[in-house]
Amino acid sequence: MKLTVEGLNSHYGPAHILFDIDLAVDAGEVVALLGRNGAGKSTTFRSIIGLVEQRSGRITFEGRDVSNKPTYDIVREGLGYVPEERRIFTDLTVDENLEVGRQPKRPNAAYWTPDKLFALFPNLAEMRNRPGGRMSGGEQQMLTIARTLMGNPSLVLLDEPSEGLSPKIVEQMVQAILAMKQEGVSILVSEQNLHFARLISDRAYIIERGRICFGGTMRELDARPDIRDAHLSL
């Protein structure tokens, strides 16, 4: 497995947020972590990348134990993270934001250049000299993903990539994620939008109140409307 999470428990101060989380992503897979707002999706991602201290459990990336390692060490191992809040540098141009993310080529991982990323996200090619703060939300989302890919990760955590985007931008995001998969990038994506997840994902987990309550293929999830309606319906 590319990424394995076993028995993960995480806290915010005294508050126990994640309870014995088990999940895995294989090489070349797109796996969705589904759940409502506040279910624990972002905390799971922040725990994997080292931004939330785990109290117990084990996180293995490409066969190496990265449990409780600092975030910069985990990123250097080749694990990318696209946060829900984007966090681009608003005063820097598109080109400059990409340069911030540049890392050396990694063995057994796709190598990304600005030109290759502009082919993946044509909207960005038209605004290379535009400051990030003068871009739409969808364009900023594309830039955040592109900046992460400049680090040449073998696996990317995508937190709520479709949230707040127009249908046209969501369609472009679907195509970009599928193209990333074709390049060999494994992806763990958190989502509330089940339709979006169906278009990109091989498998899915459902998280509810910090606990995994389903794991299986998208076909298996579709065959369980009781599970889907209980944990994903608004």
C-alpha atoms as a PDB file:
ATOM      1  CA  MET A   1       0.000   0.000   0.000  1.00  0.00           C
ATOM      2  CA  LYS A   2       1.118   3.553  -0.710  1.00  0.00           C
ATOM      3  CA  LEU A   3      -0.456   4.934   2.494  1.00  0.00           C
ATOM      4  CA  THR A   4      -1.753   3.031   5.498  1.00  0.00           C
ATOM      5  CA  VAL A   5      -3.414   4.502   8.583  1.00  0.00           C
ATOM      6  CA  GLU A   6      -3.979   2.112  11.474  1.00  0.00           C
ATOM      7  CA  GLY A   7      -5.750   2.821  14.757  1.00  0.00           C
ATOM      8  CA  LEU A   8      -5.332   6.594  14.501  1.00  0.00           C
ATOM      9  CA  ASN A   9      -6.560   8.610  17.482  1.00  0.00           C
ATOM     10  CA  SER A  10      -6.195  12.394  17.452  1.00  0.00           C
ATOM     11  CA  HIS A  11      -7.192  15.195  19.802  1.00  0.00           C
ATOM     12  CA  TYR A  12      -7.610  18.950  19.791  1.00  0.00           C
ATOM     13  CA  GLY A  13      -6.488  19.704  23.317  1.00  0.00           C
ATOM     14  CA  PRO A  14      -8.611  17.548  25.622  1.00  0.00           C
ATOM     15  CA  ALA A  15     -11.217  16.855  22.914  1.00  0.00           C
ATOM     16  CA  HIS A  16     -10.960  13.384  21.356  1.00  0.00           C
ATOM     17  CA  ILE A  17     -11.756  13.898  17.635  1.00  0.00           C
ATOM     18  CA  LEU A  18     -10.622  10.777  15.730  1.00  0.00           C
ATOM     19  CA  PHE A  19     -11.318   7.276  17.023  1.00  0.00           C
ATOM     20  CA  ASP A  20      -9.268   4.303  15.755  1.00  0.00           C
ATOM     21  CA  ILE A  21      -9.199   5.428  12.111  1.00  0.00           C
ATOM     22  CA  ASP A  22      -8.147   2.710   9.655  1.00  0.00           C
ATOM     23  CA  LEU A  23      -7.765   3.465   5.945  1.00  0.00           C
ATOM     24  CA  ALA A  24      -5.407   2.749   3.071  1.00  0.00           C
ATOM     25  CA  VAL A  25      -4.558   4.028  -0.405  1.00  0.00           C
ATOM     26  CA  ASP A  26      -2.830   1.792  -2.952  1.00  0.00           C
ATOM     27  CA  ALA A  27      -0.481   2.977  -5.675  1.00  0.00           C
ATOM     28  CA  GLY A  28      -2.378   4.665  -8.508  1.00  0.00           C
ATOM     29  CA  GLU A  29      -5.684   4.796  -6.620  1.00  0.00           C
ATOM     30  CA  VAL A  30      -8.062   7.648  -5.997  1.00  0.00           C
ATOM     31  CA  VAL A  31      -9.778   7.042  -2.658  1.00  0.00           C
ATOM     32  CA  ALA A  32     -12.534   9.277  -1.280  1.00  0.00           C
ATOM     33  CA  LEU A  33     -13.047  10.075   2.392  1.00  0.00           C
ATOM     34  CA  LEU A  34     -16.725  11.027   2.541  1.00  0.00           C
ATOM     35  CA  GLY A  35     -18.661  12.683   5.313  1.00  0.00           C
ATOM     36  CA  ARG A  36     -20.686  15.674   6.382  1.00  0.00           C
ATOM     37  CA  ASN A  37     -19.203  18.914   7.695  1.00  0.00           C
ATOM     38  CA  GLY A  38     -17.542  18.280  11.040  1.00  0.00           C
ATOM     39  CA  ALA A  39     -17.317  14.513  10.558  1.00  0.00           C
ATOM     40  CA  GLY A  40     -13.517  14.504  10.911  1.00  0.00           C
ATOM     41  CA  LYS A  41     -12.287  14.555   7.310  1.00  0.00           C
ATOM     42  CA  SER A  42      -9.967  17.555   7.598  1.00  0.00           C
ATOM     43  CA  THR A  43      -8.669  16.419  10.995  1.00  0.00           C
ATOM     44  CA  THR A  44      -7.788  13.063   9.444  1.00  0.00           C
ATOM     45  CA  PHE A  45      -5.794  14.803   6.722  1.00  0.00           C
ATOM     46  CA  ARG A  46      -4.123  17.169   9.168  1.00  0.00           C
ATOM     47  CA  SER A  47      -3.169  14.217  11.353  1.00  0.00           C
ATOM     48  CA  ILE A  48      -1.664  12.310   8.416  1.00  0.00           C
ATOM     49  CA  ILE A  49       0.419  15.308   7.317  1.00  0.00           C
ATOM     50  CA  GLY A  50       1.555  16.052  10.881  1.00  0.00           C
ATOM     51  CA  LEU A  51      -0.389  19.235  11.639  1.00  0.00           C
ATOM     52  CA  VAL A  52      -2.428  17.568  14.390  1.00  0.00           C
ATOM     53  CA  GLU A  53      -0.615  15.453  16.948  1.00  0.00           C
ATOM     54  CA  GLN A  54      -1.813  11.868  17.045  1.00  0.00           C
ATOM     55  CA  ARG A  55      -2.127  10.251  20.457  1.00  0.00           C
ATOM     56  CA  SER A  56      -1.950   6.683  19.174  1.00  0.00           C
ATOM     57  CA  GLY A  57      -1.921   4.688  15.958  1.00  0.00           C
ATOM     58  CA  ARG A  58       0.460   4.235  13.060  1.00  0.00           C
ATOM     59  CA  ILE A  59       0.788   6.041   9.722  1.00  0.00           C
ATOM     60  CA  THR A  60       2.908   4.353   7.066  1.00  0.00           C
ATOM     61  CA  PHE A  61       3.832   6.014   3.779  1.00  0.00           C
ATOM     62  CA  GLU A  62       5.607   3.970   1.107  1.00  0.00           C
ATOM     63  CA  GLY A  63       6.585   1.444   3.752  1.00  0.00           C
ATOM     64  CA  ARG A  64       8.083   4.028   6.113  1.00  0.00           C
ATOM     65  CA  ASP A  65       6.590   4.925   9.483  1.00  0.00           C
ATOM     66  CA  VAL A  66       5.833   8.674   9.476  1.00  0.00           C
ATOM     67  CA  SER A  67       3.783   8.697  12.673  1.00  0.00           C
ATOM     68  CA  ASN A  68       4.263  11.979  14.549  1.00  0.00           C
ATOM     69  CA  LYS A  69       7.008  13.155  12.220  1.00  0.00           C
ATOM     70  CA  PRO A  70       7.122  16.916  11.579  1.00  0.00           C
ATOM     71  CA  THR A  71       5.194  18.083   8.541  1.00  0.00           C
ATOM     72  CA  TYR A  72       8.281  19.161   6.597  1.00  0.00           C
ATOM     73  CA  ASP A  73       9.770  15.653   6.924  1.00  0.00           C
ATOM     74  CA  ILE A  74       6.555  14.027   5.716  1.00  0.00           C
ATOM     75  CA  VAL A  75       6.385  16.368   2.711  1.00  0.00           C
ATOM     76  CA  ARG A  76      10.013  15.591   1.891  1.00  0.00           C
ATOM     77  CA  GLU A  77       9.064  11.919   1.826  1.00  0.00           C
ATOM     78  CA  GLY A  78       6.773  12.738  -1.118  1.00  0.00           C
ATOM     79  CA  LEU A  79       3.367  13.262   0.482  1.00  0.00           C
ATOM     80  CA  GLY A  80       1.554  16.370  -0.793  1.00  0.00           C
ATOM     81  CA  TYR A  81      -1.262  18.249   0.943  1.00  0.00           C
ATOM     82  CA  VAL A  82      -3.839  20.616  -0.564  1.00  0.00           C
ATOM     83  CA  PRO A  83      -5.718  22.236   2.347  1.00  0.00           C
ATOM     84  CA  GLU A  84      -9.362  23.213   2.119  1.00  0.00           C
ATOM     85  CA  GLU A  85      -8.510  26.867   2.771  1.00  0.00           C
ATOM     86  CA  ARG A  86      -5.968  26.889  -0.129  1.00  0.00           C
ATOM     87  CA  ARG A  87      -3.361  29.143   1.516  1.00  0.00           C
ATOM     88  CA  ILE A  88      -1.840  30.559  -1.639  1.00  0.00           C
ATOM     89  CA  PHE A  89       0.491  33.551  -1.443  1.00  0.00           C
ATOM     90  CA  THR A  90      -1.873  36.317  -2.513  1.00  0.00           C
ATOM     91  CA  ASP A  91       0.873  38.874  -3.218  1.00  0.00           C
ATOM     92  CA  LEU A  92       2.845  36.487  -5.433  1.00  0.00           C
ATOM     93  CA  THR A  93       2.050  35.764  -9.065  1.00  0.00           C
ATOM     94  CA  VAL A  94       1.018  32.362 -10.369  1.00  0.00           C
ATOM     95  CA  ASP A  95       4.586  31.703 -11.560  1.00  0.00           C
ATOM     96  CA  GLU A  96       6.002  32.771  -8.204  1.00  0.00           C
ATOM     97  CA  ASN A  97       3.562  30.590  -6.262  1.00  0.00           C
ATOM     98  CA  LEU A  98       4.653  27.613  -8.345  1.00  0.00           C
ATOM     99  CA  GLU A  99       8.320  28.332  -7.698  1.00  0.00           C
ATOM    100  CA  VAL A 100       7.652  28.279  -3.951  1.00  0.00           C
ATOM    101  CA  GLY A 101       6.535  24.654  -4.290  1.00  0.00           C
ATOM    102  CA  ARG A 102       9.403  23.458  -6.488  1.00  0.00           C
ATOM    103  CA  GLN A 103      11.250  20.350  -5.276  1.00  0.00           C
ATOM    104  CA  PRO A 104      13.798  18.074  -6.967  1.00  0.00           C
ATOM    105  CA  LYS A 105      12.661  15.164  -9.069  1.00  0.00           C
ATOM    106  CA  ARG A 106      11.813  12.065  -7.032  1.00  0.00           C
ATOM    107  CA  PRO A 107      12.367   8.435  -7.997  1.00  0.00           C
ATOM    108  CA  ASN A 108       9.153   6.603  -8.904  1.00  0.00           C
ATOM    109  CA  ALA A 109       7.068   9.816  -8.975  1.00  0.00           C
ATOM    110  CA  ALA A 110       5.831  12.024 -11.801  1.00  0.00           C
ATOM    111  CA  TYR A 111       7.968  15.089 -12.497  1.00  0.00           C
ATOM    112  CA  TRP A 112       5.975  18.310 -12.816  1.00  0.00           C
ATOM    113  CA  THR A 113       7.091  21.496 -14.520  1.00  0.00           C
ATOM    114  CA  PRO A 114       5.172  24.768 -14.897  1.00  0.00           C
ATOM    115  CA  ASP A 115       4.504  24.033 -18.567  1.00  0.00           C
ATOM    116  CA  LYS A 116       3.142  20.600 -17.719  1.00  0.00           C
ATOM    117  CA  LEU A 117       0.923  22.130 -15.047  1.00  0.00           C
ATOM    118  CA  PHE A 118      -0.340  24.810 -17.426  1.00  0.00           C
ATOM    119  CA  ALA A 119      -1.413  21.985 -19.750  1.00  0.00           C
ATOM    120  CA  LEU A 120      -3.240  20.408 -16.797  1.00  0.00           C
ATOM    121  CA  PHE A 121      -4.814  23.740 -15.759  1.00  0.00           C
ATOM    122  CA  PRO A 122      -5.136  25.914 -18.908  1.00  0.00           C
ATOM    123  CA  ASN A 123      -6.792  28.711 -16.895  1.00  0.00           C
ATOM    124  CA  LEU A 124      -3.523  29.276 -15.047  1.00  0.00           C
ATOM    125  CA  ALA A 125      -1.540  29.584 -18.276  1.00  0.00           C
ATOM    126  CA  GLU A 126      -3.497  32.726 -19.126  1.00  0.00           C
ATOM    127  CA  MET A 127      -2.625  34.463 -15.840  1.00  0.00           C
ATOM    128  CA  ARG A 128       0.986  33.536 -15.113  1.00  0.00           C
ATOM    129  CA  ASN A 129       1.788  37.097 -14.006  1.00  0.00           C
ATOM    130  CA  ARG A 130      -1.402  37.684 -12.033  1.00  0.00           C
ATOM    131  CA  PRO A 131      -1.170  37.897  -8.225  1.00  0.00           C
ATOM    132  CA  GLY A 132      -2.955  35.088  -6.437  1.00  0.00           C
ATOM    133  CA  GLY A 133      -5.190  37.564  -4.619  1.00  0.00           C
ATOM    134  CA  ARG A 134      -6.730  38.658  -7.932  1.00  0.00           C
ATOM    135  CA  MET A 135      -7.921  35.182  -8.880  1.00  0.00           C
ATOM    136  CA  SER A 136     -11.326  33.546  -8.426  1.00  0.00           C
ATOM    137  CA  GLY A 137     -11.841  30.807  -5.857  1.00  0.00           C
ATOM    138  CA  GLY A 138     -11.722  28.116  -8.525  1.00  0.00           C
ATOM    139  CA  GLU A 139      -8.514  29.515 -10.003  1.00  0.00           C
ATOM    140  CA  GLN A 140      -6.953  29.657  -6.544  1.00  0.00           C
ATOM    141  CA  GLN A 141      -7.911  26.014  -6.012  1.00  0.00           C
ATOM    142  CA  MET A 142      -6.190  25.069  -9.253  1.00  0.00           C
ATOM    143  CA  LEU A 143      -3.116  27.054  -8.225  1.00  0.00           C
ATOM    144  CA  THR A 144      -2.970  25.340  -4.842  1.00  0.00           C
ATOM    145  CA  ILE A 145      -3.037  21.902  -6.475  1.00  0.00           C
ATOM    146  CA  ALA A 146      -0.462  22.971  -9.074  1.00  0.00           C
ATOM    147  CA  ARG A 147       1.855  24.348  -6.374  1.00  0.00           C
ATOM    148  CA  THR A 148       1.598  21.051  -4.472  1.00  0.00           C
ATOM    149  CA  LEU A 149       2.409  19.077  -7.624  1.00  0.00           C
ATOM    150  CA  MET A 150       5.574  21.159  -8.080  1.00  0.00           C
ATOM    151  CA  GLY A 151       6.858  19.161  -5.105  1.00  0.00           C
ATOM    152  CA  ASN A 152       6.546  15.985  -7.240  1.00  0.00           C
ATOM    153  CA  PRO A 153       4.572  14.011  -4.638  1.00  0.00           C
ATOM    154  CA  SER A 154       3.678  10.380  -5.183  1.00  0.00           C
ATOM    155  CA  LEU A 155       0.486  10.814  -3.138  1.00  0.00           C
ATOM    156  CA  VAL A 156      -1.645  13.916  -2.605  1.00  0.00           C
ATOM    157  CA  LEU A 157      -4.211  14.659   0.102  1.00  0.00           C
ATOM    158  CA  LEU A 158      -6.929  16.801  -1.499  1.00  0.00           C
ATOM    159  CA  ASP A 159      -9.206  18.393   1.084  1.00  0.00           C
ATOM    160  CA  GLU A 160     -12.664  19.333  -0.281  1.00  0.00           C
ATOM    161  CA  PRO A 161     -11.470  20.261  -3.809  1.00  0.00           C
ATOM    162  CA  SER A 162     -14.978  20.855  -5.214  1.00  0.00           C
ATOM    163  CA  GLU A 163     -16.369  22.977  -2.367  1.00  0.00           C
ATOM    164  CA  GLY A 164     -17.752  26.347  -3.475  1.00  0.00           C
ATOM    165  CA  LEU A 165     -16.768  25.924  -7.120  1.00  0.00           C
ATOM    166  CA  SER A 166     -18.964  26.537 -10.156  1.00  0.00           C
ATOM    167  CA  PRO A 167     -20.127  23.473 -12.123  1.00  0.00           C
ATOM    168  CA  LYS A 168     -17.762  24.378 -14.974  1.00  0.00           C
ATOM    169  CA  ILE A 169     -14.737  24.537 -12.658  1.00  0.00           C
ATOM    170  CA  VAL A 170     -15.825  21.310 -10.933  1.00  0.00           C
ATOM    171  CA  GLU A 171     -15.831  19.589 -14.331  1.00  0.00           C
ATOM    172  CA  GLN A 172     -12.294  20.867 -14.977  1.00  0.00           C
ATOM    173  CA  MET A 173     -11.256  19.631 -11.540  1.00  0.00           C
ATOM    174  CA  VAL A 174     -12.567  16.143 -12.340  1.00  0.00           C
ATOM    175  CA  GLN A 175     -10.495  16.033 -15.526  1.00  0.00           C
ATOM    176  CA  ALA A 176      -7.399  17.314 -13.713  1.00  0.00           C
ATOM    177  CA  ILE A 177      -7.664  14.686 -10.970  1.00  0.00           C
ATOM    178  CA  LEU A 178      -8.105  11.902 -13.521  1.00  0.00           C
ATOM    179  CA  ALA A 179      -5.056  13.224 -15.403  1.00  0.00           C
ATOM    180  CA  MET A 180      -3.045  13.212 -12.165  1.00  0.00           C
ATOM    181  CA  LYS A 181      -4.062   9.590 -11.657  1.00  0.00           C
ATOM    182  CA  GLN A 182      -2.885   8.732 -15.181  1.00  0.00           C
ATOM    183  CA  GLU A 183       0.478  10.260 -14.270  1.00  0.00           C
ATOM    184  CA  GLY A 184       0.708   7.763 -11.418  1.00  0.00           C
ATOM    185  CA  VAL A 185      -0.198  10.123  -8.559  1.00  0.00           C
ATOM    186  CA  SER A 186      -2.160   8.392  -5.804  1.00  0.00           C
ATOM    187  CA  ILE A 187      -4.866  10.593  -4.275  1.00  0.00           C
ATOM    188  CA  LEU A 188      -6.838  10.634  -1.041  1.00  0.00           C
ATOM    189  CA  VAL A 189      -9.644  13.148  -1.452  1.00  0.00           C
ATOM    190  CA  SER A 190     -12.106  14.343   1.188  1.00  0.00           C
ATOM    191  CA  GLU A 191     -15.549  15.206  -0.133  1.00  0.00           C
ATOM    192  CA  GLN A 192     -19.167  15.884   0.738  1.00  0.00           C
ATOM    193  CA  ASN A 193     -20.192  15.799  -2.924  1.00  0.00           C
ATOM    194  CA  LEU A 194     -20.973  12.148  -3.649  1.00  0.00           C
ATOM    195  CA  HIS A 195     -21.509  12.794  -7.365  1.00  0.00           C
ATOM    196  CA  PHE A 196     -18.035  14.340  -7.642  1.00  0.00           C
ATOM    197  CA  ALA A 197     -16.530  11.417  -5.711  1.00  0.00           C
ATOM    198  CA  ARG A 198     -18.163   8.889  -8.029  1.00  0.00           C
ATOM    199  CA  LEU A 199     -16.546  10.517 -11.067  1.00  0.00           C
ATOM    200  CA  ILE A 200     -12.995  10.248  -9.725  1.00  0.00           C
ATOM    201  CA  SER A 201     -12.763   7.537  -7.073  1.00  0.00           C
ATOM    202  CA  ASP A 202     -11.978   3.835  -7.072  1.00  0.00           C
ATOM    203  CA  ARG A 203     -12.940   3.302  -3.436  1.00  0.00           C
ATOM    204  CA  ALA A 204     -14.469   5.248  -0.580  1.00  0.00           C
ATOM    205  CA  TYR A 205     -14.560   5.448   3.181  1.00  0.00           C
ATOM    206  CA  ILE A 206     -17.299   7.198   5.142  1.00  0.00           C
ATOM    207  CA  ILE A 207     -16.417   8.973   8.365  1.00  0.00           C
ATOM    208  CA  GLU A 208     -19.010  10.015  10.938  1.00  0.00           C
ATOM    209  CA  ARG A 209     -18.217  11.672  14.277  1.00  0.00           C
ATOM    210  CA  GLY A 210     -14.566  10.733  13.949  1.00  0.00           C
ATOM    211  CA  ARG A 211     -15.142   7.046  13.197  1.00  0.00           C
ATOM    212  CA  ILE A 212     -14.957   5.107   9.927  1.00  0.00           C
ATOM    213  CA  CYS A 213     -18.352   3.504   9.352  1.00  0.00           C
ATOM    214  CA  PHE A 214     -17.915   2.205   5.786  1.00  0.00           C
ATOM    215  CA  GLY A 215     -15.120   1.148   3.471  1.00  0.00           C
ATOM    216  CA  GLY A 216     -15.481  -0.318  -0.012  1.00  0.00           C
ATOM    217  CA  THR A 217     -15.693   0.315  -3.732  1.00  0.00           C
ATOM    218  CA  MET A 218     -17.980   2.974  -5.141  1.00  0.00           C
ATOM    219  CA  ARG A 219     -20.156   0.176  -6.542  1.00  0.00           C
ATOM    220  CA  GLU A 220     -20.447  -1.369  -3.082  1.00  0.00           C
ATOM    221  CA  LEU A 221     -21.416   2.022  -1.649  1.00  0.00           C
ATOM    222  CA  ASP A 222     -24.076   2.492  -4.322  1.00  0.00           C
ATOM    223  CA  ALA A 223     -25.468  -0.913  -3.380  1.00  0.00           C
ATOM    224  CA  ARG A 224     -25.954   0.296   0.210  1.00  0.00           C
ATOM    225  CA  PRO A 225     -28.459   3.178   0.061  1.00  0.00           C
ATOM    226  CA  ASP A 226     -29.082   2.673   3.792  1.00  0.00           C
ATOM    227  CA  ILE A 227     -25.446   3.526   4.580  1.00  0.00           C
ATOM    228  CA  ARG A 228     -25.377   6.351   2.045  1.00  0.00           C
ATOM    229  CA  ASP A 229     -28.571   7.964   3.278  1.00  0.00           C
ATOM    230  CA  ALA A 230     -27.696   7.579   6.953  1.00  0.00           C
ATOM    231  CA  HIS A 231     -24.277   9.205   6.727  1.00  0.00           C
ATOM    232  CA  LEU A 232     -24.207  11.408   3.621  1.00  0.00           C
ATOM    233  CA  SER A 233     -27.692  12.830   3.144  1.00  0.00           C
ATOM    234  CA  LEU A 234     -28.089  16.453   4.176  1.00  0.00           C
END
